[in-house]
Amino acid sequence: MSKFIFVTGGVLSSLGKGIAAAATGALLETKGIKVTLQKLDPYINVDPGTLSPFQHGEVFVTDDGTETDLDLGHYERFTHIRTSQTNNYTTGKIYYNVITKERRGDYLGDTVQVVPHITDEIKSSIKSALDGYDVLIVEIGGTIGDIESLPFLEAIRQMRYDVGRENVLYMHLTLVPYIKTSGELKTKPTQHSVKELREIGIQPDILLCRTDRPLPPAVKKKIALHCNLDEDSVISAMDVESIYEVPLTLHNEGLDALISKKLKLNSQEPDLTIWKDIVRKIKEPKNEVSISIVGKYIGLKDSYKSLTEALIHGGIANDTRVHLQWVDSEEIEIHGAEKYLSETDGILVPGGFGHRGIEGKIKAIQYAREKKIPYFGICLGMQCAVIEFARNVCGLTKANSTEFDLNTPDPVIYLMEKWYDHRKGRIEERTETTEKGGTMRLGAYPCVLQKGTNAYEAYGIKEISERHRHRYEFNNAYKGILSQHGMRISGTSPDAELVEIIEVEDHPWFLGCQFHPEFKSRPTEPHPLFKAFIAAALKEKRSLFPYAEPLKEKYL
């Protein structure tokens, strides 16, 4: 019988339920347990695909082309699973499914209600993610007390009765703040949060208490007493320097042993060697480089969550600390690239949508190309690199993407209306009038690499598969003139119709890819392109400063 762990959060948002769930999964994997994870989000959007990054952060994309919550990125980075559409459900998706069934006549004249129809659909969605795993960890989005999450909480309350008490565990994440003026850790927010959870019928089995310092035994005892728990079920979830320390700190608190005991899991002793090695390389690296990320969503770092983590992974692979410098592309439009990029070891332009800040990104790319600074362009970052090259090297001074200028005389990037989808095995079509949710190339697509290129050197294999999320494509009508002037097409779809990777000759390392490699990077398996990019930045730095000593100081 599969086991279920339900993770809820209280007091306030952004406490780190996603990291806690992912780290718990990582710990159970080290004990030889097959784990998968799922996120249930209370917002009414069917998926986060059309949400602003400023409101919701990054949209994570799975192999099957599902646009999901960013926490699924944490799940993939901490565990060995590859997520799909069954790993993320929203209120909008649940209600959409129920309404579709009602219109179809599936309920045979019943009055459709939240209980049992919505809750039954939620429970069915939870069970759809099991697929032979030993343990399913389900994170409930939002905060206890939010009206939107009540149907999900009622559904998970019922799960204990459906599958048996011994197969369900409720883990609640709360905050234990330290009040500096009184010199006290305050337990009242946790008590109120648990009280609210108990009022809807859920008694937590384990409390994860977010805190900036260890919880003294007396504080744990007080929380346990008021929240109806054993003292060893109150776990300190302390602030750490790196999220990849979380599995180690939770293990030191005995979380994995506690879960195994409560769920009666047959498991081995955990092997945490790989996590200890990752933390060592983050805290005590031998080298360091600075990477400038030129974007337009820099006000909210969660907009680029997978990207920043992938850069850290590239650093881990090179035993190098990566200092991230955030540069607003609109500021480059005003003040120029030199002011912001003269001290950097590498420049990265990430994905995005819309015309705002585009000219600043193009200026940053020109600076990287002319100054021979290692450059990595992802999705829109690749498209901007093509525009820049066409304008400043090929002499097509008005070259642009039809996303930004429908009337450009040289649409080097355009909306491809028809192409063969190798993943789906059929012709796909789209136009400017197609609904927004249906115009993107989403999910995993195959790519064939050309030997003798940076891309091939990074991967070491000829055929790869990477995840996409974009509408516009490289215009093959310009392949000839771009190639003649030194741009190399180093990766394409198997039929060579879709350009996936471009490089610039006579440059230390200049690569743009149409896909999002950051979605497949893990600290345990750094993505080949991020590994190669950081290595190139480190090599370029050493060539400029050949006598620089390796980094010796501790991570601050």
Protein backbone atom coordinates (compact mmCIF):
# COMPACT_ATOMS: atom_id res chain seq x y z
CA MET A 1 0.00 0.00 0.00
CA SER A 2 1.39 3.40 -0.98
CA LYS A 3 1.83 6.04 1.72
CA PHE A 4 0.83 9.71 1.61
CA ILE A 5 2.53 12.72 3.22
CA PHE A 6 0.51 15.96 3.08
CA VAL A 7 2.48 19.17 3.59
CA THR A 8 0.59 22.29 4.65
CA GLY A 9 1.74 25.75 5.70
CA GLY A 10 0.60 28.24 8.30
CA VAL A 11 1.18 31.72 9.75
CA LEU A 12 2.36 33.33 6.49
CA SER A 13 3.33 32.55 2.92
CA SER A 14 6.81 31.93 1.51
CA LEU A 15 7.95 29.84 4.47
CA GLY A 16 9.35 27.23 2.10
CA LYS A 17 6.80 24.41 1.86
CA GLY A 18 8.17 23.49 -1.57
CA ILE A 19 11.73 23.17 -0.29
CA ALA A 20 10.54 21.28 2.79
CA ALA A 21 8.55 18.82 0.64
CA ALA A 22 11.41 18.40 -1.84
CA ALA A 23 14.02 17.92 0.91
CA THR A 24 11.78 15.34 2.59
CA GLY A 25 11.61 13.50 -0.73
CA ALA A 26 15.39 13.65 -1.03
CA LEU A 27 15.83 12.21 2.47
CA LEU A 28 13.45 9.33 1.80
CA GLU A 29 15.26 8.56 -1.46
CA THR A 30 18.55 8.25 0.44
CA LYS A 31 16.82 5.53 2.47
CA GLY A 32 15.97 3.55 -0.67
CA ILE A 33 12.29 4.59 -0.83
CA LYS A 34 10.63 5.36 -4.19
CA VAL A 35 9.19 8.86 -3.85
CA THR A 36 7.16 11.21 -6.01
CA LEU A 37 5.71 14.66 -5.27
CA GLN A 38 2.64 16.67 -6.21
CA LYS A 39 1.57 20.32 -5.82
CA LEU A 40 -2.07 21.33 -5.34
CA ASP A 41 -2.51 25.07 -5.98
CA PRO A 42 -5.61 26.96 -4.81
CA TYR A 43 -5.69 29.64 -7.53
CA ILE A 44 -8.45 29.45 -10.16
CA ASN A 45 -6.17 29.70 -13.20
CA VAL A 46 -6.10 26.33 -14.98
CA ASP A 47 -2.29 26.61 -15.00
CA PRO A 48 0.26 29.38 -14.32
CA GLY A 49 1.14 29.75 -18.02
CA THR A 50 -0.48 33.18 -18.44
CA LEU A 51 0.41 34.53 -14.99
CA SER A 52 2.91 37.38 -14.67
CA PRO A 53 6.31 36.31 -13.30
CA PHE A 54 5.99 39.24 -10.87
CA GLN A 55 2.88 37.64 -9.34
CA HIS A 56 3.72 33.96 -9.44
CA GLY A 57 7.40 33.60 -10.20
CA GLU A 58 8.77 31.20 -12.77
CA VAL A 59 6.60 28.90 -14.86
CA PHE A 60 8.21 25.46 -14.78
CA VAL A 61 7.73 23.20 -17.83
CA THR A 62 7.67 19.40 -17.76
CA ASP A 63 8.69 16.95 -20.49
CA ASP A 64 5.07 16.47 -21.54
CA GLY A 65 4.63 20.20 -22.09
CA THR A 66 2.67 21.04 -18.94
CA GLU A 67 3.15 24.55 -17.53
CA THR A 68 3.36 24.17 -13.77
CA ASP A 69 4.18 25.82 -10.47
CA LEU A 70 7.84 26.60 -9.77
CA ASP A 71 7.87 24.17 -6.83
CA LEU A 72 7.91 21.29 -9.32
CA GLY A 73 11.39 22.54 -10.22
CA HIS A 74 12.42 22.00 -6.58
CA TYR A 75 10.92 18.51 -6.67
CA GLU A 76 13.00 17.58 -9.72
CA ARG A 77 16.18 19.17 -8.40
CA PHE A 78 16.04 17.39 -5.03
CA THR A 79 14.85 13.97 -6.21
CA HIS A 80 15.19 11.69 -9.22
CA ILE A 81 11.64 12.13 -10.50
CA ARG A 82 10.64 13.74 -13.79
CA THR A 83 7.30 15.45 -13.27
CA SER A 84 4.29 15.59 -15.62
CA GLN A 85 0.76 16.99 -15.71
CA THR A 86 -0.29 14.65 -12.88
CA ASN A 87 2.13 16.37 -10.50
CA ASN A 88 0.36 19.75 -10.46
CA TYR A 89 -3.35 20.53 -10.11
CA THR A 90 -5.03 23.89 -9.55
CA THR A 91 -8.51 24.82 -8.37
CA GLY A 92 -9.18 25.91 -11.95
CA LYS A 93 -8.18 22.51 -13.34
CA ILE A 94 -10.23 20.63 -10.71
CA TYR A 95 -13.38 22.70 -11.34
CA TYR A 96 -12.85 22.48 -15.10
CA ASN A 97 -12.79 18.69 -14.87
CA VAL A 98 -15.91 18.58 -12.69
CA ILE A 99 -17.85 20.98 -14.90
CA THR A 100 -16.85 19.00 -18.00
CA LYS A 101 -18.16 15.81 -16.37
CA GLU A 102 -21.38 17.54 -15.35
CA ARG A 103 -21.99 18.81 -18.89
CA ARG A 104 -21.32 15.32 -20.18
CA GLY A 105 -23.93 13.87 -17.82
CA ASP A 106 -21.52 11.82 -15.71
CA TYR A 107 -23.25 12.72 -12.42
CA LEU A 108 -26.62 11.33 -13.53
CA GLY A 109 -28.74 14.20 -12.29
CA ASP A 110 -26.95 14.81 -8.97
CA THR A 111 -26.70 18.30 -7.55
CA VAL A 112 -22.99 18.95 -8.05
CA GLN A 113 -21.41 20.23 -4.81
CA VAL A 114 -18.01 20.91 -3.27
CA VAL A 115 -18.51 17.82 -1.10
CA PRO A 116 -18.44 15.19 -2.49
CA HIS A 117 -17.88 16.06 -6.16
CA ILE A 118 -15.02 18.59 -5.92
CA THR A 119 -13.30 16.74 -3.08
CA ASP A 120 -13.66 13.43 -4.91
CA GLU A 121 -12.04 14.98 -8.00
CA ILE A 122 -9.18 16.25 -5.83
CA LYS A 123 -8.68 12.81 -4.29
CA SER A 124 -8.75 11.22 -7.74
CA SER A 125 -6.11 13.72 -8.89
CA ILE A 126 -3.92 12.87 -5.89
CA LYS A 127 -4.12 9.15 -6.61
CA SER A 128 -3.31 9.74 -10.29
CA ALA A 129 0.26 10.66 -9.31
CA LEU A 130 1.02 7.40 -7.46
CA ASP A 131 2.11 5.26 -10.42
CA GLY A 132 3.87 2.57 -8.36
CA TYR A 133 5.76 4.83 -5.94
CA ASP A 134 6.14 3.93 -2.28
CA VAL A 135 5.40 7.44 -1.00
CA LEU A 136 3.56 10.40 -2.51
CA ILE A 137 4.34 13.78 -0.93
CA VAL A 138 1.55 16.29 -1.63
CA GLU A 139 2.14 19.99 -1.01
CA ILE A 140 -0.99 22.12 -0.50
CA GLY A 141 -0.44 25.66 -1.77
CA GLY A 142 -1.46 28.74 0.17
CA THR A 143 -1.68 29.29 3.92
CA ILE A 144 -4.06 27.76 6.48
CA GLY A 145 -6.98 30.16 6.80
CA ASP A 146 -7.15 31.00 3.08
CA ILE A 147 -10.68 30.38 1.81
CA GLU A 148 -9.34 29.11 -1.53
CA SER A 149 -7.56 26.09 -0.05
CA LEU A 150 -10.50 24.72 2.01
CA PRO A 151 -11.64 22.12 -0.60
CA PHE A 152 -8.09 20.73 -0.80
CA LEU A 153 -7.81 20.53 2.99
CA GLU A 154 -11.17 18.77 3.22
CA ALA A 155 -10.03 16.31 0.55
CA ILE A 156 -6.80 15.43 2.36
CA ARG A 157 -8.73 15.15 5.64
CA GLN A 158 -10.89 12.50 3.99
CA MET A 159 -7.85 10.65 2.61
CA ARG A 160 -6.96 9.28 6.06
CA TYR A 161 -10.38 7.59 6.21
CA ASP A 162 -10.15 6.37 2.62
CA VAL A 163 -6.74 4.68 2.78
CA GLY A 164 -6.25 4.08 6.50
CA ARG A 165 -4.65 6.08 9.30
CA GLU A 166 -1.39 4.15 9.06
CA ASN A 167 -0.92 5.26 5.44
CA VAL A 168 -1.33 9.03 5.85
CA LEU A 169 0.90 11.57 7.56
CA TYR A 170 0.18 15.29 7.95
CA MET A 171 3.23 17.58 8.12
CA HIS A 172 2.62 21.25 8.93
CA LEU A 173 5.15 24.03 8.36
CA THR A 174 4.89 27.05 10.67
CA LEU A 175 6.93 30.00 11.90
CA VAL A 176 8.53 30.44 15.31
CA PRO A 177 9.77 34.05 15.22
CA TYR A 178 12.44 35.48 17.51
CA ILE A 179 11.44 38.82 19.04
CA LYS A 180 14.66 40.74 19.50
CA THR A 181 13.35 43.31 21.98
CA SER A 182 12.20 40.64 24.43
CA GLY A 183 14.83 38.06 23.53
CA GLU A 184 12.21 35.35 23.10
CA LEU A 185 11.13 32.74 20.59
CA LYS A 186 7.36 33.08 20.22
CA THR A 187 5.25 29.93 19.86
CA LYS A 188 1.82 31.59 19.69
CA PRO A 189 1.71 31.88 15.85
CA THR A 190 2.38 28.12 15.62
CA GLN A 191 -0.28 27.36 18.23
CA HIS A 192 -2.91 29.41 16.38
CA SER A 193 -1.97 27.87 13.02
CA VAL A 194 -2.34 24.33 14.38
CA LYS A 195 -5.60 25.30 16.11
CA GLU A 196 -6.99 26.50 12.77
CA LEU A 197 -5.88 23.26 11.10
CA ARG A 198 -7.49 21.15 13.82
CA GLU A 199 -10.75 23.09 13.49
CA ILE A 200 -11.15 21.68 9.98
CA GLY A 201 -10.41 18.16 11.18
CA ILE A 202 -6.68 17.72 10.58
CA GLN A 203 -4.33 16.97 13.46
CA PRO A 204 -0.72 17.38 12.25
CA ASP A 205 1.58 14.46 12.95
CA ILE A 206 4.79 16.47 12.50
CA LEU A 207 5.50 20.18 12.87
CA LEU A 208 8.34 21.79 10.92
CA CYS A 209 9.10 25.05 12.72
CA ARG A 210 10.88 27.67 10.61
CA THR A 211 13.29 29.57 12.82
CA ASP A 212 16.55 31.45 12.60
CA ARG A 213 18.02 29.58 15.60
CA PRO A 214 17.75 26.12 17.20
CA LEU A 215 14.60 25.52 19.25
CA PRO A 216 15.53 24.82 22.89
CA PRO A 217 13.96 21.67 24.42
CA ALA A 218 11.68 23.84 26.56
CA VAL A 219 10.26 25.56 23.49
CA LYS A 220 9.73 22.25 21.68
CA LYS A 221 8.01 20.88 24.78
CA LYS A 222 5.69 23.90 24.95
CA ILE A 223 4.76 23.62 21.26
CA ALA A 224 4.14 19.86 21.62
CA LEU A 225 1.93 20.39 24.67
CA HIS A 226 -0.26 23.07 23.07
CA CYS A 227 -0.43 21.36 19.65
CA ASN A 228 -1.19 17.83 20.92
CA LEU A 229 2.06 16.27 19.65
CA ASP A 230 4.93 14.20 20.96
CA GLU A 231 7.98 16.34 21.65
CA ASP A 232 10.09 14.48 19.05
CA SER A 233 7.49 15.42 16.40
CA VAL A 234 8.44 19.10 16.70
CA ILE A 235 11.25 19.65 14.21
CA SER A 236 13.48 22.73 13.91
CA ALA A 237 13.60 23.88 10.30
CA MET A 238 16.39 26.40 10.62
CA ASP A 239 17.48 29.02 8.13
CA VAL A 240 20.51 27.81 6.15
CA GLU A 241 22.99 29.37 3.74
CA SER A 242 22.02 27.09 0.85
CA ILE A 243 18.76 25.26 0.19
CA TYR A 244 20.83 22.12 -0.48
CA GLU A 245 21.67 22.01 3.23
CA VAL A 246 18.02 21.43 4.11
CA PRO A 247 18.09 17.61 3.72
CA LEU A 248 21.11 17.47 6.04
CA THR A 249 19.59 19.73 8.71
CA LEU A 250 16.26 17.86 8.65
CA HIS A 251 18.11 14.54 8.92
CA ASN A 252 20.03 15.88 11.93
CA GLU A 253 16.66 16.68 13.50
CA GLY A 254 15.56 13.09 12.91
CA LEU A 255 12.83 13.80 10.35
CA ASP A 256 13.50 10.82 8.07
CA ALA A 257 13.59 8.38 10.98
CA LEU A 258 10.38 9.89 12.39
CA ILE A 259 8.54 9.53 9.07
CA SER A 260 9.72 5.93 8.67
CA LYS A 261 8.48 5.15 12.18
CA LYS A 262 5.07 6.81 11.79
CA LEU A 263 4.38 5.33 8.35
CA LYS A 264 5.99 1.96 9.17
CA LEU A 265 8.31 2.17 6.16
CA ASN A 266 10.84 -0.58 5.57
CA SER A 267 13.93 1.43 4.76
CA GLN A 268 17.70 1.35 4.97
CA GLU A 269 20.06 3.77 6.68
CA PRO A 270 20.34 6.97 4.64
CA ASP A 271 23.44 7.68 2.56
CA LEU A 272 23.91 11.46 2.59
CA THR A 273 27.39 11.51 1.02
CA ILE A 274 26.31 13.25 -2.18
CA TRP A 275 24.47 16.02 -0.30
CA LYS A 276 27.46 16.60 1.97
CA ASP A 277 29.71 16.90 -1.09
CA ILE A 278 27.34 19.39 -2.75
CA VAL A 279 27.24 21.56 0.38
CA ARG A 280 31.03 21.44 0.66
CA LYS A 281 31.45 22.67 -2.91
CA ILE A 282 28.97 25.49 -2.30
CA LYS A 283 30.51 26.60 1.01
CA GLU A 284 34.20 25.96 0.34
CA PRO A 285 34.78 26.18 -3.44
CA LYS A 286 38.22 26.38 -5.00
CA ASN A 287 37.30 29.12 -7.49
CA GLU A 288 34.84 31.93 -8.11
CA VAL A 289 33.35 33.74 -11.09
CA SER A 290 30.83 36.53 -11.58
CA ILE A 291 27.95 36.06 -14.01
CA SER A 292 25.70 38.93 -15.12
CA ILE A 293 22.05 38.03 -15.77
CA VAL A 294 20.54 40.65 -18.06
CA GLY A 295 16.76 40.44 -17.71
CA LYS A 296 13.61 42.44 -17.11
CA TYR A 297 12.00 40.51 -14.23
CA ILE A 298 14.90 41.07 -11.84
CA GLY A 299 12.61 42.66 -9.22
CA LEU A 300 11.45 39.15 -8.31
CA LYS A 301 14.25 36.59 -8.31
CA ASP A 302 11.73 33.70 -8.30
CA SER A 303 11.05 34.66 -11.93
CA TYR A 304 14.36 32.97 -12.75
CA LYS A 305 14.43 30.31 -10.02
CA SER A 306 15.49 27.34 -12.17
CA LEU A 307 18.01 29.52 -13.96
CA THR A 308 19.77 30.72 -10.81
CA GLU A 309 19.85 27.19 -9.43
CA ALA A 310 21.26 25.83 -12.70
CA LEU A 311 24.06 28.41 -12.54
CA ILE A 312 24.83 27.25 -9.00
CA HIS A 313 24.87 23.67 -10.31
CA GLY A 314 27.31 24.74 -13.03
CA GLY A 315 29.47 26.14 -10.26
CA ILE A 316 29.25 22.89 -8.28
CA ALA A 317 30.45 20.98 -11.36
CA ASN A 318 33.48 23.28 -11.57
CA ASP A 319 34.05 23.57 -7.80
CA THR A 320 33.34 27.27 -8.25
CA ARG A 321 31.25 29.85 -6.42
CA VAL A 322 29.06 31.75 -8.85
CA HIS A 323 28.37 35.36 -7.95
CA LEU A 324 25.16 36.48 -9.66
CA GLN A 325 24.93 40.10 -10.77
CA TRP A 326 21.41 41.16 -11.75
CA VAL A 327 21.26 43.77 -14.50
CA ASP A 328 18.05 45.45 -15.66
CA SER A 329 18.06 45.47 -19.45
CA GLU A 330 16.10 48.75 -19.46
CA GLU A 331 18.96 50.39 -17.55
CA ILE A 332 21.37 49.27 -20.29
CA GLU A 333 19.11 50.94 -22.85
CA ILE A 334 19.62 54.24 -20.98
CA HIS A 335 23.23 54.04 -19.80
CA GLY A 336 24.88 51.49 -22.11
CA ALA A 337 26.41 48.07 -21.44
CA GLU A 338 29.89 49.17 -20.36
CA LYS A 339 28.61 50.65 -17.10
CA TYR A 340 27.09 47.36 -15.94
CA LEU A 341 29.10 44.61 -17.63
CA SER A 342 32.74 45.70 -17.64
CA GLU A 343 33.65 43.65 -14.53
CA THR A 344 31.79 40.43 -15.34
CA ASP A 345 33.23 37.02 -16.31
CA GLY A 346 30.18 35.87 -18.24
CA ILE A 347 26.90 37.28 -19.56
CA LEU A 348 23.58 35.43 -19.68
CA VAL A 349 20.35 36.66 -21.26
CA PRO A 350 17.40 34.49 -20.17
CA GLY A 351 13.97 33.85 -21.65
CA GLY A 352 11.00 36.18 -21.53
CA PHE A 353 8.12 37.67 -23.46
CA GLY A 354 7.25 41.12 -24.85
CA HIS A 355 9.23 44.02 -26.26
CA ARG A 356 10.12 45.81 -23.00
CA GLY A 357 13.89 45.88 -22.39
CA ILE A 358 14.73 44.10 -25.66
CA GLU A 359 17.11 46.74 -27.00
CA GLY A 360 19.05 46.62 -23.73
CA LYS A 361 19.44 42.87 -24.08
CA ILE A 362 20.68 43.31 -27.65
CA LYS A 363 23.24 45.87 -26.47
CA ALA A 364 24.44 43.46 -23.76
CA ILE A 365 24.84 40.70 -26.36
CA GLN A 366 26.78 43.01 -28.68
CA TYR A 367 29.07 43.87 -25.77
CA ALA A 368 29.63 40.17 -25.00
CA ARG A 369 30.37 39.36 -28.64
CA GLU A 370 32.74 42.28 -29.28
CA LYS A 371 34.57 42.06 -25.93
CA LYS A 372 34.92 38.24 -26.22
CA ILE A 373 33.10 37.63 -22.93
CA PRO A 374 31.52 34.16 -22.62
CA TYR A 375 27.85 34.47 -23.54
CA PHE A 376 24.88 32.18 -22.91
CA GLY A 377 21.50 33.06 -24.44
CA ILE A 378 18.42 31.07 -23.47
CA CYS A 379 15.22 31.14 -25.55
CA LEU A 380 14.65 34.90 -26.02
CA GLY A 381 18.36 35.28 -25.25
CA MET A 382 19.12 33.19 -28.34
CA GLN A 383 16.62 35.13 -30.47
CA CYS A 384 18.13 38.45 -29.40
CA ALA A 385 21.59 37.10 -30.26
CA VAL A 386 20.37 36.33 -33.79
CA ILE A 387 18.90 39.84 -34.11
CA GLU A 388 22.10 41.44 -32.84
CA PHE A 389 24.28 39.43 -35.21
CA ALA A 390 22.04 40.18 -38.18
CA ARG A 391 22.11 43.91 -37.45
CA ASN A 392 25.72 44.48 -36.48
CA VAL A 393 27.59 41.77 -38.41
CA CYS A 394 25.44 41.04 -41.47
CA GLY A 395 24.39 44.65 -42.08
CA LEU A 396 20.65 43.99 -41.77
CA THR A 397 20.24 47.11 -39.66
CA LYS A 398 16.47 46.80 -39.22
CA ALA A 399 16.44 43.07 -38.47
CA ASN A 400 14.02 42.12 -35.72
CA SER A 401 11.53 39.57 -34.46
CA THR A 402 7.92 39.86 -35.56
CA GLU A 403 7.08 39.63 -31.85
CA PHE A 404 8.47 43.15 -31.50
CA ASP A 405 7.95 44.58 -34.99
CA LEU A 406 5.41 43.03 -37.35
CA ASN A 407 6.62 45.26 -40.19
CA THR A 408 10.35 44.59 -39.95
CA PRO A 409 11.90 44.15 -43.41
CA ASP A 410 14.17 41.40 -42.05
CA PRO A 411 12.21 39.08 -39.71
CA VAL A 412 15.12 36.90 -38.64
CA ILE A 413 12.85 35.62 -35.84
CA TYR A 414 9.21 34.99 -36.71
CA LEU A 415 6.08 33.03 -35.82
CA MET A 416 6.41 29.72 -37.64
CA GLU A 417 2.86 28.71 -38.55
CA LYS A 418 3.43 25.05 -39.41
CA TRP A 419 6.03 22.47 -38.38
CA TYR A 420 6.34 18.75 -37.74
CA ASP A 421 6.20 17.91 -34.04
CA HIS A 422 8.57 14.96 -33.53
CA ARG A 423 7.35 14.47 -29.96
CA LYS A 424 3.67 14.28 -30.90
CA GLY A 425 4.26 12.74 -34.32
CA ARG A 426 2.03 15.18 -36.19
CA ILE A 427 1.95 18.54 -37.98
CA GLU A 428 1.38 21.46 -35.60
CA GLU A 429 -0.14 24.77 -36.70
CA ARG A 430 -0.47 28.17 -35.07
CA THR A 431 -1.26 31.76 -36.11
CA GLU A 432 -1.24 35.21 -34.53
CA THR A 433 -4.94 34.77 -33.68
CA THR A 434 -4.60 31.40 -31.96
CA GLU A 435 -5.43 31.46 -28.24
CA LYS A 436 -2.36 32.29 -26.13
CA GLY A 437 -2.39 28.88 -24.45
CA GLY A 438 -2.14 27.14 -27.82
CA THR A 439 0.59 29.07 -29.63
CA MET A 440 3.67 27.85 -27.80
CA ARG A 441 6.05 25.02 -28.48
CA LEU A 442 5.98 23.34 -25.08
CA GLY A 443 7.80 20.40 -23.52
CA ALA A 444 10.55 18.07 -24.63
CA TYR A 445 11.73 18.06 -28.26
CA PRO A 446 14.64 16.19 -29.86
CA CYS A 447 17.72 18.03 -31.10
CA VAL A 448 20.62 16.83 -33.26
CA LEU A 449 24.04 18.38 -32.55
CA GLN A 450 26.84 19.15 -34.99
CA LYS A 451 30.26 17.75 -34.15
CA GLY A 452 33.08 20.19 -33.55
CA THR A 453 30.84 22.72 -31.77
CA ASN A 454 30.67 23.96 -28.18
CA ALA A 455 27.27 22.30 -27.86
CA TYR A 456 28.58 18.89 -28.93
CA GLU A 457 31.62 19.25 -26.69
CA ALA A 458 29.36 20.06 -23.72
CA TYR A 459 26.93 17.17 -24.19
CA GLY A 460 29.32 14.60 -25.64
CA ILE A 461 26.49 12.97 -27.61
CA LYS A 462 24.85 13.66 -30.96
CA GLU A 463 21.14 13.54 -30.07
CA ILE A 464 19.58 15.25 -27.04
CA SER A 465 16.12 16.16 -25.75
CA GLU A 466 15.34 19.51 -24.11
CA ARG A 467 12.26 21.37 -22.87
CA HIS A 468 10.79 24.36 -24.69
CA ARG A 469 8.45 27.24 -23.89
CA HIS A 470 8.26 29.79 -26.69
CA ARG A 471 6.22 31.00 -29.67
CA TYR A 472 8.74 32.45 -32.12
CA GLU A 473 11.39 30.64 -34.14
CA PHE A 474 14.60 31.21 -36.10
CA ASN A 475 13.71 32.15 -39.70
CA ASN A 476 15.45 29.67 -42.01
CA ALA A 477 15.34 32.19 -44.87
CA TYR A 478 18.26 33.96 -43.15
CA LYS A 479 20.30 30.86 -42.37
CA GLY A 480 22.56 31.45 -45.39
CA ILE A 481 23.58 35.05 -44.74
CA LEU A 482 24.04 34.49 -41.01
CA SER A 483 26.20 31.42 -41.62
CA GLN A 484 28.31 33.25 -44.21
CA HIS A 485 29.20 35.91 -41.64
CA GLY A 486 30.25 33.48 -38.89
CA MET A 487 27.14 32.26 -37.12
CA ARG A 488 27.06 28.49 -36.80
CA ILE A 489 23.89 26.41 -36.46
CA SER A 490 25.08 23.77 -34.02
CA GLY A 491 21.77 22.14 -33.13
CA THR A 492 18.53 21.53 -35.06
CA SER A 493 15.42 19.37 -35.00
CA PRO A 494 15.94 15.95 -36.66
CA ASP A 495 14.49 17.26 -39.95
CA ALA A 496 16.67 20.42 -39.71
CA GLU A 497 13.59 22.66 -39.93
CA LEU A 498 13.80 24.07 -36.40
CA VAL A 499 17.02 25.79 -35.30
CA GLU A 500 17.69 24.91 -31.68
CA ILE A 501 21.26 26.12 -31.00
CA ILE A 502 23.42 28.86 -32.53
CA GLU A 503 27.05 29.75 -31.89
CA VAL A 504 29.39 32.51 -33.03
CA GLU A 505 32.74 31.58 -34.51
CA ASP A 506 35.96 33.32 -33.44
CA HIS A 507 34.72 33.72 -29.87
CA PRO A 508 35.83 31.95 -26.65
CA TRP A 509 32.29 30.70 -25.92
CA PHE A 510 29.14 32.19 -27.42
CA LEU A 511 26.05 29.98 -27.48
CA GLY A 512 22.31 30.53 -27.70
CA CYS A 513 19.68 27.81 -27.38
CA GLN A 514 15.99 27.96 -28.17
CA PHE A 515 15.08 25.60 -25.31
CA HIS A 516 15.31 26.00 -21.53
CA PRO A 517 18.17 23.81 -20.27
CA GLU A 518 17.73 25.11 -16.73
CA PHE A 519 14.59 22.96 -16.33
CA LYS A 520 16.64 19.74 -16.39
CA SER A 521 19.58 20.74 -14.21
CA ARG A 522 20.11 19.22 -10.78
CA PRO A 523 22.81 19.73 -8.14
CA THR A 524 23.54 16.02 -8.42
CA GLU A 525 23.55 16.22 -12.26
CA PRO A 526 24.51 19.75 -13.42
CA HIS A 527 23.28 20.51 -16.92
CA PRO A 528 26.05 20.17 -19.56
CA LEU A 529 25.54 23.69 -20.97
CA PHE A 530 25.67 25.39 -17.58
CA LYS A 531 28.71 23.33 -16.66
CA ALA A 532 30.39 24.38 -19.92
CA PHE A 533 29.37 28.05 -19.55
CA ILE A 534 30.82 28.37 -16.05
CA ALA A 535 33.97 26.54 -17.18
CA ALA A 536 34.33 29.02 -20.07
CA ALA A 537 33.83 32.00 -17.74
CA LEU A 538 36.42 30.57 -15.35
CA LYS A 539 38.88 29.97 -18.19
CA GLU A 540 38.42 33.50 -19.52
CA LYS A 541 38.92 34.96 -16.06
CA ARG A 542 42.15 33.01 -15.61
CA SER A 543 43.42 34.20 -18.98
CA LEU A 544 42.83 37.81 -17.88
CA PHE A 545 44.18 37.27 -14.35
CA PRO A 546 46.71 34.43 -14.67
CA TYR A 547 48.19 35.00 -11.23
CA ALA A 548 44.90 35.02 -9.32
CA GLU A 549 45.00 32.71 -6.31
CA PRO A 550 42.25 30.09 -5.86
CA LEU A 551 39.49 31.14 -3.48
CA LYS A 552 40.35 30.39 0.13
CA GLU A 553 37.94 32.33 2.34
CA LYS A 554 34.87 30.67 3.79
CA TYR A 555 31.42 31.16 2.28
CA LEU A 556 29.82 34.19 3.93
